[in-house]
All heavy atoms as atom14 arrays in JSON, in Angstrom:
{
  "sequence": "YQRKNLEIEIQKKLNYEYVNKTVLHMLYLPFKYFNCNQEG",
  "atom14_mask": [
    [1, 1, 1, 1, 1, 1, 1, 1, 1, 1, 1, 1, 0, 0],
    [1, 1, 1, 1, 1, 1, 1, 1, 1, 0, 0, 0, 0, 0],
    [1, 1, 1, 1, 1, 1, 1, 1, 1, 1, 1, 0, 0, 0],
    [1, 1, 1, 1, 1, 1, 1, 1, 1, 0, 0, 0, 0, 0],
    [1, 1, 1, 1, 1, 1, 1, 1, 0, 0, 0, 0, 0, 0],
    [1, 1, 1, 1, 1, 1, 1, 1, 0, 0, 0, 0, 0, 0],
    [1, 1, 1, 1, 1, 1, 1, 1, 1, 0, 0, 0, 0, 0],
    [1, 1, 1, 1, 1, 1, 1, 1, 0, 0, 0, 0, 0, 0],
    [1, 1, 1, 1, 1, 1, 1, 1, 1, 0, 0, 0, 0, 0],
    [1, 1, 1, 1, 1, 1, 1, 1, 0, 0, 0, 0, 0, 0],
    [1, 1, 1, 1, 1, 1, 1, 1, 1, 0, 0, 0, 0, 0],
    [1, 1, 1, 1, 1, 1, 1, 1, 1, 0, 0, 0, 0, 0],
    [1, 1, 1, 1, 1, 1, 1, 1, 1, 0, 0, 0, 0, 0],
    [1, 1, 1, 1, 1, 1, 1, 1, 0, 0, 0, 0, 0, 0],
    [1, 1, 1, 1, 1, 1, 1, 1, 0, 0, 0, 0, 0, 0],
    [1, 1, 1, 1, 1, 1, 1, 1, 1, 1, 1, 1, 0, 0],
    [1, 1, 1, 1, 1, 1, 1, 1, 1, 0, 0, 0, 0, 0],
    [1, 1, 1, 1, 1, 1, 1, 1, 1, 1, 1, 1, 0, 0],
    [1, 1, 1, 1, 1, 1, 1, 0, 0, 0, 0, 0, 0, 0],
    [1, 1, 1, 1, 1, 1, 1, 1, 0, 0, 0, 0, 0, 0],
    [1, 1, 1, 1, 1, 1, 1, 1, 1, 0, 0, 0, 0, 0],
    [1, 1, 1, 1, 1, 1, 1, 0, 0, 0, 0, 0, 0, 0],
    [1, 1, 1, 1, 1, 1, 1, 0, 0, 0, 0, 0, 0, 0],
    [1, 1, 1, 1, 1, 1, 1, 1, 0, 0, 0, 0, 0, 0],
    [1, 1, 1, 1, 1, 1, 1, 1, 1, 1, 0, 0, 0, 0],
    [1, 1, 1, 1, 1, 1, 1, 1, 0, 0, 0, 0, 0, 0],
    [1, 1, 1, 1, 1, 1, 1, 1, 0, 0, 0, 0, 0, 0],
    [1, 1, 1, 1, 1, 1, 1, 1, 1, 1, 1, 1, 0, 0],
    [1, 1, 1, 1, 1, 1, 1, 1, 0, 0, 0, 0, 0, 0],
    [1, 1, 1, 1, 1, 1, 1, 0, 0, 0, 0, 0, 0, 0],
    [1, 1, 1, 1, 1, 1, 1, 1, 1, 1, 1, 0, 0, 0],
    [1, 1, 1, 1, 1, 1, 1, 1, 1, 0, 0, 0, 0, 0],
    [1, 1, 1, 1, 1, 1, 1, 1, 1, 1, 1, 1, 0, 0],
    [1, 1, 1, 1, 1, 1, 1, 1, 1, 1, 1, 0, 0, 0],
    [1, 1, 1, 1, 1, 1, 1, 1, 0, 0, 0, 0, 0, 0],
    [1, 1, 1, 1, 1, 1, 0, 0, 0, 0, 0, 0, 0, 0],
    [1, 1, 1, 1, 1, 1, 1, 1, 0, 0, 0, 0, 0, 0],
    [1, 1, 1, 1, 1, 1, 1, 1, 1, 0, 0, 0, 0, 0],
    [1, 1, 1, 1, 1, 1, 1, 1, 1, 0, 0, 0, 0, 0],
    [1, 1, 1, 1, 0, 0, 0, 0, 0, 0, 0, 0, 0, 0]
  ],
  "atom14_positions": [
    [[-10.98, -24.4, -19.57], [-11.48, -23.03, -19.97], [-12.35, -22.56, -18.82], [-12.13, -21.4, -18.34], [-12.29, -23.09, -21.25], [-13.02, -21.81, -21.52], [-12.35, -20.71, -22.05], [-14.39, -21.68, -21.36], [-12.99, -19.51, -22.33], [-15.05, -20.47, -21.56], [-14.39, -19.41, -22.09], [-15.0, -18.24, -22.42], [0.0, 0.0, 0.0], [0.0, 0.0, 0.0]],
    [[-13.23, -23.45, -18.21], [-14.09, -22.97, -17.12], [-13.25, -22.7, -15.87], [-13.46, -21.78, -15.11], [-15.17, -23.99, -16.84], [-16.19, -24.11, -18.01], [-17.23, -25.24, -17.75], [-17.02, -26.0, -16.8], [-18.34, -25.15, -18.45], [0.0, 0.0, 0.0], [0.0, 0.0, 0.0], [0.0, 0.0, 0.0], [0.0, 0.0, 0.0], [0.0, 0.0, 0.0]],
    [[-12.21, -23.62, -15.71], [-11.29, -23.45, -14.52], [-10.52, -22.07, -14.62], [-10.49, -21.4, -13.61], [-10.29, -24.61, -14.45], [-9.36, -24.62, -13.31], [-8.51, -25.74, -13.22], [-7.54, -25.77, -14.31], [-6.33, -25.2, -14.26], [-5.99, -24.47, -13.17], [-5.48, -25.24, -15.23], [0.0, 0.0, 0.0], [0.0, 0.0, 0.0], [0.0, 0.0, 0.0]],
    [[-10.09, -21.68, -15.78], [-9.33, -20.51, -15.97], [-10.16, -19.31, -15.66], [-9.83, -18.27, -15.03], [-8.74, -20.4, -17.44], [-7.53, -21.31, -17.61], [-6.34, -20.89, -16.77], [-5.05, -21.74, -17.07], [-3.93, -21.38, -16.23], [0.0, 0.0, 0.0], [0.0, 0.0, 0.0], [0.0, 0.0, 0.0], [0.0, 0.0, 0.0], [0.0, 0.0, 0.0]],
    [[-11.45, -19.39, -16.15], [-12.38, -18.31, -15.9], [-12.71, -18.17, -14.4], [-12.8, -17.04, -13.82], [-13.73, -18.55, -16.61], [-13.66, -18.1, -18.13], [-12.71, -17.27, -18.51], [-14.5, -18.64, -18.98], [0.0, 0.0, 0.0], [0.0, 0.0, 0.0], [0.0, 0.0, 0.0], [0.0, 0.0, 0.0], [0.0, 0.0, 0.0], [0.0, 0.0, 0.0]],
    [[-12.81, -19.33, -13.73], [-13.04, -19.32, -12.27], [-11.82, -18.72, -11.59], [-12.01, -18.0, -10.6], [-13.3, -20.69, -11.78], [-13.74, -20.91, -10.34], [-14.98, -20.03, -10.09], [-14.02, -22.34, -10.03], [0.0, 0.0, 0.0], [0.0, 0.0, 0.0], [0.0, 0.0, 0.0], [0.0, 0.0, 0.0], [0.0, 0.0, 0.0], [0.0, 0.0, 0.0]],
    [[-10.62, -19.01, -11.99], [-9.41, -18.48, -11.35], [-9.42, -16.98, -11.58], [-9.0, -16.18, -10.59], [-8.16, -18.99, -12.03], [-7.87, -20.47, -11.65], [-6.56, -20.98, -12.18], [-5.84, -20.14, -12.81], [-6.28, -22.12, -12.03], [0.0, 0.0, 0.0], [0.0, 0.0, 0.0], [0.0, 0.0, 0.0], [0.0, 0.0, 0.0], [0.0, 0.0, 0.0]],
    [[-9.83, -16.48, -12.77], [-9.91, -15.02, -12.99], [-10.97, -14.35, -12.04], [-10.7, -13.28, -11.48], [-10.31, -14.74, -14.42], [-9.1, -15.21, -15.39], [-10.53, -13.25, -14.69], [-9.44, -15.24, -16.85], [0.0, 0.0, 0.0], [0.0, 0.0, 0.0], [0.0, 0.0, 0.0], [0.0, 0.0, 0.0], [0.0, 0.0, 0.0], [0.0, 0.0, 0.0]],
    [[-12.08, -15.03, -11.88], [-13.09, -14.53, -11.04], [-12.59, -14.48, -9.55], [-12.88, -13.47, -8.87], [-14.36, -15.44, -11.12], [-15.58, -14.83, -10.39], [-16.77, -15.75, -10.59], [-16.79, -16.58, -11.5], [-17.74, -15.63, -9.76], [0.0, 0.0, 0.0], [0.0, 0.0, 0.0], [0.0, 0.0, 0.0], [0.0, 0.0, 0.0], [0.0, 0.0, 0.0]],
    [[-11.91, -15.51, -9.12], [-11.41, -15.53, -7.71], [-10.4, -14.46, -7.52], [-10.34, -13.77, -6.51], [-10.81, -16.94, -7.44], [-11.85, -18.0, -7.42], [-10.09, -16.99, -6.09], [-11.33, -19.43, -7.34], [0.0, 0.0, 0.0], [0.0, 0.0, 0.0], [0.0, 0.0, 0.0], [0.0, 0.0, 0.0], [0.0, 0.0, 0.0], [0.0, 0.0, 0.0]],
    [[-9.55, -14.31, -8.57], [-8.45, -13.29, -8.45], [-9.08, -11.87, -8.34], [-8.63, -11.03, -7.54], [-7.59, -13.31, -9.75], [-6.31, -12.52, -9.53], [-5.31, -12.81, -10.67], [-5.72, -13.06, -11.86], [-4.02, -12.86, -10.4], [0.0, 0.0, 0.0], [0.0, 0.0, 0.0], [0.0, 0.0, 0.0], [0.0, 0.0, 0.0], [0.0, 0.0, 0.0]],
    [[-10.12, -11.69, -9.05], [-10.84, -10.33, -9.01], [-11.39, -10.12, -7.61], [-11.29, -9.02, -7.1], [-12.0, -10.34, -10.11], [-12.84, -9.01, -10.06], [-13.99, -9.19, -11.08], [-14.93, -7.93, -10.87], [-16.05, -8.1, -11.8], [0.0, 0.0, 0.0], [0.0, 0.0, 0.0], [0.0, 0.0, 0.0], [0.0, 0.0, 0.0], [0.0, 0.0, 0.0]],
    [[-12.05, -11.09, -7.1], [-12.62, -11.01, -5.69], [-11.59, -10.76, -4.7], [-11.72, -9.91, -3.76], [-13.45, -12.24, -5.39], [-14.0, -12.25, -4.0], [-14.71, -13.53, -3.76], [-15.36, -13.54, -2.28], [-14.39, -13.48, -1.24], [0.0, 0.0, 0.0], [0.0, 0.0, 0.0], [0.0, 0.0, 0.0], [0.0, 0.0, 0.0], [0.0, 0.0, 0.0]],
    [[-10.45, -11.53, -4.77], [-9.34, -11.42, -3.74], [-8.68, -10.04, -3.84], [-8.24, -9.46, -2.87], [-8.37, -12.54, -3.91], [-8.94, -13.97, -3.62], [-7.88, -14.94, -3.76], [-9.54, -14.03, -2.26], [0.0, 0.0, 0.0], [0.0, 0.0, 0.0], [0.0, 0.0, 0.0], [0.0, 0.0, 0.0], [0.0, 0.0, 0.0], [0.0, 0.0, 0.0]],
    [[-8.44, -9.52, -5.05], [-7.89, -8.23, -5.25], [-8.71, -7.13, -4.66], [-8.23, -6.2, -4.0], [-7.63, -7.9, -6.73], [-6.43, -8.69, -7.31], [-5.53, -9.1, -6.55], [-6.41, -8.9, -8.62], [0.0, 0.0, 0.0], [0.0, 0.0, 0.0], [0.0, 0.0, 0.0], [0.0, 0.0, 0.0], [0.0, 0.0, 0.0], [0.0, 0.0, 0.0]],
    [[-10.07, -7.32, -4.77], [-10.94, -6.28, -4.12], [-10.86, -6.4, -2.63], [-10.86, -5.38, -1.94], [-12.39, -6.6, -4.61], [-13.34, -5.61, -3.97], [-13.55, -4.32, -4.36], [-14.04, -6.06, -2.85], [-14.43, -3.52, -3.83], [-14.97, -5.18, -2.19], [-15.14, -3.92, -2.71], [-16.06, -3.1, -2.02], [0.0, 0.0, 0.0], [0.0, 0.0, 0.0]],
    [[-10.82, -7.61, -2.1], [-10.78, -7.89, -0.67], [-9.51, -7.39, -0.06], [-9.51, -6.71, 1.04], [-11.03, -9.37, -0.45], [-11.01, -9.79, 0.97], [-12.31, -9.36, 1.69], [-13.37, -9.19, 0.96], [-12.41, -9.23, 2.97], [0.0, 0.0, 0.0], [0.0, 0.0, 0.0], [0.0, 0.0, 0.0], [0.0, 0.0, 0.0], [0.0, 0.0, 0.0]],
    [[-8.35, -7.69, -0.59], [-7.11, -7.36, 0.0], [-6.47, -6.15, -0.42], [-5.58, -5.54, 0.27], [-6.12, -8.55, -0.17], [-6.65, -9.87, 0.41], [-6.75, -11.05, -0.34], [-6.89, -9.89, 1.78], [-7.26, -12.21, 0.32], [-7.37, -11.06, 2.4], [-7.51, -12.25, 1.62], [-7.99, -13.35, 2.25], [0.0, 0.0, 0.0], [0.0, 0.0, 0.0]],
    [[-6.7, -5.67, -1.7], [-6.06, -4.42, -2.13], [-7.0, -3.2, -1.96], [-6.61, -2.19, -1.26], [-5.66, -4.52, -3.6], [-4.94, -3.28, -4.07], [-4.77, -5.72, -3.77], [0.0, 0.0, 0.0], [0.0, 0.0, 0.0], [0.0, 0.0, 0.0], [0.0, 0.0, 0.0], [0.0, 0.0, 0.0], [0.0, 0.0, 0.0], [0.0, 0.0, 0.0]],
    [[-8.22, -3.27, -2.56], [-9.08, -2.11, -2.48], [-9.48, -1.8, -1.09], [-9.46, -0.63, -0.62], [-10.24, -2.35, -3.31], [-11.13, -1.16, -3.53], [-10.69, -0.14, -3.99], [-12.43, -1.13, -3.08], [0.0, 0.0, 0.0], [0.0, 0.0, 0.0], [0.0, 0.0, 0.0], [0.0, 0.0, 0.0], [0.0, 0.0, 0.0], [0.0, 0.0, 0.0]],
    [[-9.82, -2.81, -0.25], [-10.26, -2.57, 1.09], [-9.14, -1.99, 2.0], [-9.36, -1.12, 2.87], [-10.89, -3.79, 1.76], [-12.31, -4.14, 1.22], [-12.86, -5.23, 2.06], [-14.34, -5.48, 1.66], [-14.99, -6.58, 2.45], [0.0, 0.0, 0.0], [0.0, 0.0, 0.0], [0.0, 0.0, 0.0], [0.0, 0.0, 0.0], [0.0, 0.0, 0.0]],
    [[-7.96, -2.47, 1.69], [-6.77, -1.95, 2.43], [-6.53, -0.51, 2.15], [-6.28, 0.34, 3.12], [-5.57, -2.78, 2.03], [-5.68, -4.1, 2.42], [-4.26, -2.16, 2.83], [0.0, 0.0, 0.0], [0.0, 0.0, 0.0], [0.0, 0.0, 0.0], [0.0, 0.0, 0.0], [0.0, 0.0, 0.0], [0.0, 0.0, 0.0], [0.0, 0.0, 0.0]],
    [[-6.68, -0.05, 0.96], [-6.52, 1.31, 0.56], [-7.59, 2.18, 1.15], [-7.3, 3.31, 1.67], [-6.48, 1.44, -0.99], [-6.52, 2.95, -1.31], [-5.34, 0.82, -1.62], [0.0, 0.0, 0.0], [0.0, 0.0, 0.0], [0.0, 0.0, 0.0], [0.0, 0.0, 0.0], [0.0, 0.0, 0.0], [0.0, 0.0, 0.0], [0.0, 0.0, 0.0]],
    [[-8.79, 1.67, 1.21], [-9.86, 2.41, 1.79], [-9.73, 2.52, 3.28], [-10.0, 3.55, 3.89], [-11.25, 1.74, 1.46], [-11.67, 1.76, 0.0], [-13.0, 0.99, -0.18], [-11.81, 3.14, -0.52], [0.0, 0.0, 0.0], [0.0, 0.0, 0.0], [0.0, 0.0, 0.0], [0.0, 0.0, 0.0], [0.0, 0.0, 0.0], [0.0, 0.0, 0.0]],
    [[-9.25, 1.48, 4.0], [-8.97, 1.54, 5.42], [-7.86, 2.5, 5.71], [-7.85, 3.04, 6.87], [-8.67, 0.11, 5.91], [-9.8, -0.81, 5.95], [-9.67, -2.14, 5.94], [-11.1, -0.52, 5.94], [-10.87, -2.67, 6.0], [-11.75, -1.69, 5.95], [0.0, 0.0, 0.0], [0.0, 0.0, 0.0], [0.0, 0.0, 0.0], [0.0, 0.0, 0.0]],
    [[-6.96, 2.77, 4.75], [-5.83, 3.66, 5.0], [-6.38, 5.11, 5.27], [-5.62, 5.94, 5.89], [-4.8, 3.71, 3.94], [-3.99, 2.45, 3.81], [-2.98, 2.32, 2.28], [-1.85, 3.72, 2.53], [0.0, 0.0, 0.0], [0.0, 0.0, 0.0], [0.0, 0.0, 0.0], [0.0, 0.0, 0.0], [0.0, 0.0, 0.0], [0.0, 0.0, 0.0]],
    [[-7.64, 5.33, 4.78], [-8.15, 6.73, 4.99], [-8.39, 7.08, 6.46], [-8.49, 8.21, 6.84], [-9.48, 6.85, 4.18], [-9.34, 6.73, 2.64], [-10.84, 6.7, 2.11], [-8.62, 7.95, 2.06], [0.0, 0.0, 0.0], [0.0, 0.0, 0.0], [0.0, 0.0, 0.0], [0.0, 0.0, 0.0], [0.0, 0.0, 0.0], [0.0, 0.0, 0.0]],
    [[-8.47, 5.98, 7.31], [-8.78, 6.16, 8.7], [-7.61, 6.08, 9.53], [-7.71, 6.0, 10.8], [-9.93, 5.13, 9.09], [-11.19, 5.27, 8.35], [-11.38, 4.48, 7.21], [-12.14, 6.19, 8.64], [-12.56, 4.55, 6.41], [-13.28, 6.37, 7.92], [-13.49, 5.52, 6.83], [-14.64, 5.64, 6.05], [0.0, 0.0, 0.0], [0.0, 0.0, 0.0]],
    [[-6.39, 5.87, 8.99], [-5.2, 5.75, 9.75], [-4.74, 7.2, 10.33], [-5.09, 8.2, 9.65], [-4.04, 5.22, 8.95], [-4.13, 3.76, 8.53], [-2.99, 3.4, 7.54], [-3.94, 2.87, 9.75], [0.0, 0.0, 0.0], [0.0, 0.0, 0.0], [0.0, 0.0, 0.0], [0.0, 0.0, 0.0], [0.0, 0.0, 0.0], [0.0, 0.0, 0.0]],
    [[-4.13, 7.27, 11.46], [-3.69, 8.56, 11.95], [-2.57, 9.2, 11.13], [-1.91, 8.48, 10.42], [-3.19, 8.2, 13.36], [-2.84, 6.77, 13.35], [-3.76, 6.11, 12.35], [0.0, 0.0, 0.0], [0.0, 0.0, 0.0], [0.0, 0.0, 0.0], [0.0, 0.0, 0.0], [0.0, 0.0, 0.0], [0.0, 0.0, 0.0], [0.0, 0.0, 0.0]],
    [[-2.43, 10.5, 11.22], [-1.51, 11.23, 10.46], [-0.04, 10.75, 10.78], [0.82, 10.76, 9.85], [-1.56, 12.68, 10.73], [-2.74, 13.38, 10.09], [-3.81, 13.88, 10.82], [-2.87, 13.47, 8.69], [-4.87, 14.43, 10.27], [-3.96, 14.02, 8.07], [-5.03, 14.54, 8.81], [0.0, 0.0, 0.0], [0.0, 0.0, 0.0], [0.0, 0.0, 0.0]],
    [[0.2, 10.34, 12.02], [1.56, 9.85, 12.33], [2.06, 8.7, 11.54], [3.28, 8.49, 11.3], [1.65, 9.64, 13.84], [0.72, 8.48, 14.33], [0.81, 8.36, 15.85], [-0.17, 7.3, 16.33], [-0.12, 7.17, 17.78], [0.0, 0.0, 0.0], [0.0, 0.0, 0.0], [0.0, 0.0, 0.0], [0.0, 0.0, 0.0], [0.0, 0.0, 0.0]],
    [[1.05, 7.85, 11.03], [1.44, 6.75, 10.23], [2.05, 7.2, 8.93], [3.08, 6.62, 8.45], [0.26, 5.78, 10.05], [0.52, 4.65, 9.12], [1.13, 3.51, 9.6], [0.22, 4.75, 7.71], [1.36, 2.4, 8.69], [0.55, 3.64, 6.92], [1.09, 2.52, 7.38], [1.36, 1.44, 6.53], [0.0, 0.0, 0.0], [0.0, 0.0, 0.0]],
    [[1.44, 8.17, 8.3], [1.97, 8.72, 7.07], [3.27, 9.51, 7.24], [4.07, 9.66, 6.28], [0.86, 9.53, 6.37], [-0.37, 8.81, 6.0], [-1.41, 8.76, 6.84], [-0.34, 8.06, 4.78], [-2.5, 7.98, 6.57], [-1.52, 7.34, 4.43], [-2.58, 7.33, 5.27], [0.0, 0.0, 0.0], [0.0, 0.0, 0.0], [0.0, 0.0, 0.0]],
    [[3.47, 10.06, 8.39], [4.78, 10.74, 8.74], [5.92, 9.74, 8.74], [7.03, 10.1, 8.47], [4.68, 11.44, 10.04], [3.77, 12.66, 9.96], [3.58, 13.27, 8.92], [3.21, 13.11, 11.15], [0.0, 0.0, 0.0], [0.0, 0.0, 0.0], [0.0, 0.0, 0.0], [0.0, 0.0, 0.0], [0.0, 0.0, 0.0], [0.0, 0.0, 0.0]],
    [[5.64, 8.52, 9.07], [6.68, 7.42, 9.16], [6.97, 6.76, 7.85], [7.85, 5.99, 7.77], [6.22, 6.35, 10.22], [6.06, 7.07, 11.92], [0.0, 0.0, 0.0], [0.0, 0.0, 0.0], [0.0, 0.0, 0.0], [0.0, 0.0, 0.0], [0.0, 0.0, 0.0], [0.0, 0.0, 0.0], [0.0, 0.0, 0.0], [0.0, 0.0, 0.0]],
    [[6.14, 7.03, 6.81], [6.34, 6.31, 5.6], [6.15, 7.24, 4.39], [5.24, 8.08, 4.4], [5.21, 5.25, 5.4], [5.35, 4.11, 6.47], [6.06, 3.21, 6.3], [4.56, 4.32, 7.53], [0.0, 0.0, 0.0], [0.0, 0.0, 0.0], [0.0, 0.0, 0.0], [0.0, 0.0, 0.0], [0.0, 0.0, 0.0], [0.0, 0.0, 0.0]],
    [[7.09, 7.16, 3.46], [7.04, 7.95, 2.27], [5.92, 7.46, 1.31], [5.55, 6.27, 1.41], [8.32, 7.97, 1.53], [9.46, 8.71, 2.23], [10.68, 8.86, 1.35], [10.87, 8.04, 0.39], [11.59, 9.71, 1.73], [0.0, 0.0, 0.0], [0.0, 0.0, 0.0], [0.0, 0.0, 0.0], [0.0, 0.0, 0.0], [0.0, 0.0, 0.0]],
    [[5.47, 8.34, 0.39], [4.36, 7.9, -0.48], [4.75, 6.69, -1.36], [3.97, 5.78, -1.54], [4.01, 9.16, -1.41], [3.4, 10.32, -0.59], [4.49, 11.21, -0.16], [5.68, 10.85, -0.19], [4.19, 12.3, 0.33], [0.0, 0.0, 0.0], [0.0, 0.0, 0.0], [0.0, 0.0, 0.0], [0.0, 0.0, 0.0], [0.0, 0.0, 0.0]],
    [[5.96, 6.76, -1.92], [6.39, 5.6, -2.71], [6.49, 4.29, -1.95], [6.15, 3.25, -2.51], [0.0, 0.0, 0.0], [0.0, 0.0, 0.0], [0.0, 0.0, 0.0], [0.0, 0.0, 0.0], [0.0, 0.0, 0.0], [0.0, 0.0, 0.0], [0.0, 0.0, 0.0], [0.0, 0.0, 0.0], [0.0, 0.0, 0.0], [0.0, 0.0, 0.0]]
  ]
}
């Protein structure tokens, strides 16, 4: 039970590190990057 809770906690931390921070860093990308990629 404790191991599963720890896995959930690690998953939460890693999602913040790799997903949320990536999205925030995209705010500083140049416009030409978004011209090369569709929103989807």
